[in-house]
Structure formats: C-alpha cells, structure tokens
Amino acid sequence: MSKDNFDDDDIKQQLQKRLEQLTLEHRDLDEVISELAEAPIIDALKLQRLKKRKLGIKDEIRIINQKLLPDIIA
C-alpha cells in the first residue's frame, strides 16, 4: 500500500468518524429542541440558537457526505 492510499484511507476514516459524531449530535439536538418547544415557558433565544446549531451540523454532514460519496457524472 502506498503512502497516498494510506493517507486517503486515514482521511476517509476520520471523515466517517466525524460524520458519526455529527449525526449523533444532530439527533440529540432534535430531541432537545422538541422538548424545549413543548415546555410551558419557551426560551425563544435558546431555541433559536439550538436550531441554528442544528442547521450548521446538517450542512457539515452534507459536506462530509459529498467528500465521502462524490457525484459520478455518467
């Protein structure tokens, strides 16, 4: 195995690990947002910040997926 292949595999493993972390964090934020939205007194600022963070994570997940699974133009 050449050094380039090792580097590519290492990068893919790092991206996959980061993707798993982000997916878990996204799921956790979704639960927290749902619970917060159902609370009798809603902290609108906190809710807005959590939603913004969730969108940022979603964007990062999309970017990593594109790196792991690049589009193949036929």
N, C-alpha and C. Protein backbone atom coordinates (compact mmCIF):
# COMPACT_ATOMS: atom_id res chain seq x y z
N MET A 1 0.86 -1.18 0.00
CA MET A 1 0.00 0.00 0.00
C MET A 1 0.90 1.24 0.00
N SER A 2 0.63 2.13 -0.91
CA SER A 2 1.44 3.33 -0.98
C SER A 2 1.03 4.32 0.09
N LYS A 3 1.88 5.29 0.31
CA LYS A 3 1.60 6.33 1.32
C LYS A 3 0.33 7.10 0.98
N ASP A 4 0.12 7.36 -0.33
CA ASP A 4 -1.08 8.09 -0.75
C ASP A 4 -2.35 7.31 -0.41
N ASN A 5 -2.36 6.02 -0.65
CA ASN A 5 -3.53 5.20 -0.31
C ASN A 5 -3.77 5.19 1.18
N PHE A 6 -2.70 5.12 1.96
CA PHE A 6 -2.84 5.12 3.41
C PHE A 6 -3.44 6.45 3.86
N ASP A 7 -2.95 7.54 3.30
CA ASP A 7 -3.46 8.86 3.65
C ASP A 7 -4.94 8.97 3.29
N ASP A 8 -5.31 8.49 2.11
CA ASP A 8 -6.71 8.53 1.69
C ASP A 8 -7.59 7.71 2.63
N ASP A 9 -7.14 6.53 3.00
CA ASP A 9 -7.91 5.68 3.92
C ASP A 9 -8.03 6.34 5.29
N ASP A 10 -6.94 6.95 5.74
CA ASP A 10 -6.94 7.62 7.04
C ASP A 10 -7.92 8.80 7.02
N ILE A 11 -7.89 9.56 5.94
CA ILE A 11 -8.80 10.70 5.82
C ILE A 11 -10.25 10.22 5.79
N LYS A 12 -10.51 9.15 5.04
CA LYS A 12 -11.87 8.61 4.97
C LYS A 12 -12.34 8.14 6.35
N GLN A 13 -11.46 7.51 7.10
CA GLN A 13 -11.81 7.06 8.45
C GLN A 13 -12.11 8.24 9.36
N GLN A 14 -11.31 9.29 9.25
CA GLN A 14 -11.54 10.49 10.06
C GLN A 14 -12.86 11.15 9.69
N LEU A 15 -13.15 11.23 8.39
CA LEU A 15 -14.41 11.81 7.94
C LEU A 15 -15.60 10.98 8.41
N GLN A 16 -15.46 9.66 8.33
CA GLN A 16 -16.53 8.77 8.76
C GLN A 16 -16.80 8.93 10.26
N LYS A 17 -15.74 9.03 11.05
CA LYS A 17 -15.88 9.21 12.49
C LYS A 17 -16.56 10.55 12.79
N ARG A 18 -16.13 11.60 12.10
CA ARG A 18 -16.74 12.93 12.30
C ARG A 18 -18.22 12.91 11.89
N LEU A 19 -18.52 12.20 10.82
CA LEU A 19 -19.90 12.08 10.35
C LEU A 19 -20.77 11.40 11.41
N GLU A 20 -20.25 10.35 12.03
CA GLU A 20 -20.99 9.67 13.09
C GLU A 20 -21.23 10.59 14.28
N GLN A 21 -20.21 11.36 14.66
CA GLN A 21 -20.35 12.30 15.78
C GLN A 21 -21.40 13.36 15.47
N LEU A 22 -21.34 13.91 14.27
CA LEU A 22 -22.29 14.95 13.88
C LEU A 22 -23.72 14.42 13.80
N THR A 23 -23.87 13.21 13.29
CA THR A 23 -25.20 12.61 13.19
C THR A 23 -25.80 12.42 14.58
N LEU A 24 -24.99 11.96 15.51
CA LEU A 24 -25.46 11.77 16.88
C LEU A 24 -25.82 13.12 17.51
N GLU A 25 -24.97 14.12 17.32
CA GLU A 25 -25.24 15.44 17.88
C GLU A 25 -26.51 16.04 17.26
N HIS A 26 -26.71 15.84 15.96
CA HIS A 26 -27.91 16.34 15.27
C HIS A 26 -29.16 15.70 15.86
N ARG A 27 -29.10 14.40 16.08
CA ARG A 27 -30.24 13.67 16.67
C ARG A 27 -30.51 14.16 18.09
N ASP A 28 -29.46 14.35 18.87
CA ASP A 28 -29.62 14.84 20.24
C ASP A 28 -30.22 16.24 20.26
N LEU A 29 -29.75 17.10 19.37
CA LEU A 29 -30.30 18.46 19.30
C LEU A 29 -31.77 18.43 18.91
N ASP A 30 -32.13 17.54 18.02
CA ASP A 30 -33.52 17.41 17.61
C ASP A 30 -34.40 17.08 18.81
N GLU A 31 -33.94 16.18 19.65
CA GLU A 31 -34.70 15.81 20.86
C GLU A 31 -34.79 16.99 21.83
N VAL A 32 -33.69 17.69 22.04
CA VAL A 32 -33.67 18.83 22.96
C VAL A 32 -34.60 19.93 22.45
N ILE A 33 -34.56 20.19 21.14
CA ILE A 33 -35.42 21.22 20.56
C ILE A 33 -36.89 20.85 20.72
N SER A 34 -37.22 19.60 20.50
CA SER A 34 -38.61 19.15 20.66
C SER A 34 -39.08 19.32 22.10
N GLU A 35 -38.23 18.93 23.05
CA GLU A 35 -38.59 19.07 24.46
C GLU A 35 -38.73 20.53 24.86
N LEU A 36 -37.82 21.36 24.39
CA LEU A 36 -37.85 22.78 24.71
C LEU A 36 -39.09 23.46 24.12
N ALA A 37 -39.45 23.07 22.91
CA ALA A 37 -40.62 23.65 22.24
C ALA A 37 -41.91 23.28 22.95
N GLU A 38 -41.93 22.15 23.64
CA GLU A 38 -43.12 21.69 24.35
C GLU A 38 -43.20 22.21 25.79
N ALA A 39 -42.14 22.86 26.24
CA ALA A 39 -42.11 23.36 27.62
C ALA A 39 -43.15 24.46 27.80
N PRO A 40 -43.70 24.57 29.03
CA PRO A 40 -44.71 25.60 29.29
C PRO A 40 -44.18 27.02 29.05
N ILE A 41 -42.94 27.25 29.42
CA ILE A 41 -42.31 28.55 29.18
C ILE A 41 -41.17 28.31 28.19
N ILE A 42 -41.30 28.92 27.03
CA ILE A 42 -40.31 28.69 25.97
C ILE A 42 -39.25 29.79 26.01
N ASP A 43 -38.00 29.34 26.04
CA ASP A 43 -36.86 30.27 25.94
C ASP A 43 -36.56 30.42 24.44
N ALA A 44 -37.16 31.44 23.83
CA ALA A 44 -37.07 31.62 22.39
C ALA A 44 -35.64 31.78 21.89
N LEU A 45 -34.83 32.51 22.64
CA LEU A 45 -33.45 32.73 22.23
C LEU A 45 -32.67 31.41 22.23
N LYS A 46 -32.83 30.63 23.28
CA LYS A 46 -32.15 29.35 23.37
C LYS A 46 -32.62 28.42 22.25
N LEU A 47 -33.93 28.42 22.00
CA LEU A 47 -34.49 27.58 20.94
C LEU A 47 -33.92 27.98 19.58
N GLN A 48 -33.83 29.28 19.33
CA GLN A 48 -33.28 29.78 18.07
C GLN A 48 -31.81 29.37 17.91
N ARG A 49 -31.04 29.47 18.97
CA ARG A 49 -29.62 29.10 18.92
C ARG A 49 -29.45 27.61 18.65
N LEU A 50 -30.27 26.80 19.29
CA LEU A 50 -30.20 25.35 19.08
C LEU A 50 -30.56 24.99 17.63
N LYS A 51 -31.58 25.64 17.10
CA LYS A 51 -31.98 25.38 15.72
C LYS A 51 -30.89 25.80 14.74
N LYS A 52 -30.25 26.92 15.03
CA LYS A 52 -29.16 27.39 14.17
C LYS A 52 -27.99 26.41 14.22
N ARG A 53 -27.67 25.91 15.40
CA ARG A 53 -26.60 24.92 15.55
C ARG A 53 -26.95 23.64 14.79
N LYS A 54 -28.22 23.23 14.88
CA LYS A 54 -28.67 22.02 14.19
C LYS A 54 -28.52 22.19 12.68
N LEU A 55 -28.87 23.35 12.15
CA LEU A 55 -28.71 23.61 10.71
C LEU A 55 -27.23 23.59 10.29
N GLY A 56 -26.38 24.14 11.15
CA GLY A 56 -24.94 24.12 10.87
C GLY A 56 -24.40 22.70 10.81
N ILE A 57 -24.88 21.87 11.73
CA ILE A 57 -24.47 20.46 11.74
C ILE A 57 -24.96 19.76 10.48
N LYS A 58 -26.20 20.06 10.09
CA LYS A 58 -26.76 19.45 8.88
C LYS A 58 -25.91 19.81 7.66
N ASP A 59 -25.49 21.06 7.58
CA ASP A 59 -24.63 21.49 6.47
C ASP A 59 -23.29 20.75 6.49
N GLU A 60 -22.72 20.61 7.67
CA GLU A 60 -21.43 19.92 7.79
C GLU A 60 -21.57 18.45 7.41
N ILE A 61 -22.68 17.83 7.80
CA ILE A 61 -22.96 16.43 7.43
C ILE A 61 -23.04 16.31 5.91
N ARG A 62 -23.72 17.25 5.27
CA ARG A 62 -23.87 17.24 3.81
C ARG A 62 -22.49 17.36 3.13
N ILE A 63 -21.65 18.24 3.64
CA ILE A 63 -20.32 18.44 3.06
C ILE A 63 -19.48 17.17 3.19
N ILE A 64 -19.52 16.55 4.36
CA ILE A 64 -18.74 15.31 4.57
C ILE A 64 -19.26 14.20 3.67
N ASN A 65 -20.59 14.09 3.55
CA ASN A 65 -21.16 13.07 2.66
C ASN A 65 -20.71 13.28 1.22
N GLN A 66 -20.62 14.53 0.79
CA GLN A 66 -20.16 14.81 -0.57
C GLN A 66 -18.69 14.41 -0.75
N LYS A 67 -17.90 14.57 0.28
CA LYS A 67 -16.48 14.18 0.21
C LYS A 67 -16.34 12.66 0.18
N LEU A 68 -17.19 11.97 0.94
CA LEU A 68 -17.12 10.51 1.01
C LEU A 68 -17.74 9.86 -0.22
N LEU A 69 -18.80 10.46 -0.75
CA LEU A 69 -19.51 9.90 -1.88
C LEU A 69 -19.64 10.95 -2.99
N PRO A 70 -18.56 11.23 -3.69
CA PRO A 70 -18.62 12.26 -4.72
C PRO A 70 -19.58 11.85 -5.84
N ASP A 71 -20.22 12.85 -6.44
CA ASP A 71 -21.13 12.59 -7.56
C ASP A 71 -20.33 12.05 -8.74
N ILE A 72 -20.91 11.05 -9.38
CA ILE A 72 -20.28 10.48 -10.57
C ILE A 72 -21.13 10.91 -11.76
N ILE A 73 -20.53 11.67 -12.64
CA ILE A 73 -21.25 12.14 -13.82
C ILE A 73 -21.11 11.07 -14.90
N ALA A 74 -22.25 10.56 -15.32
CA ALA A 74 -22.24 9.48 -16.32
C ALA A 74 -22.23 10.04 -17.72
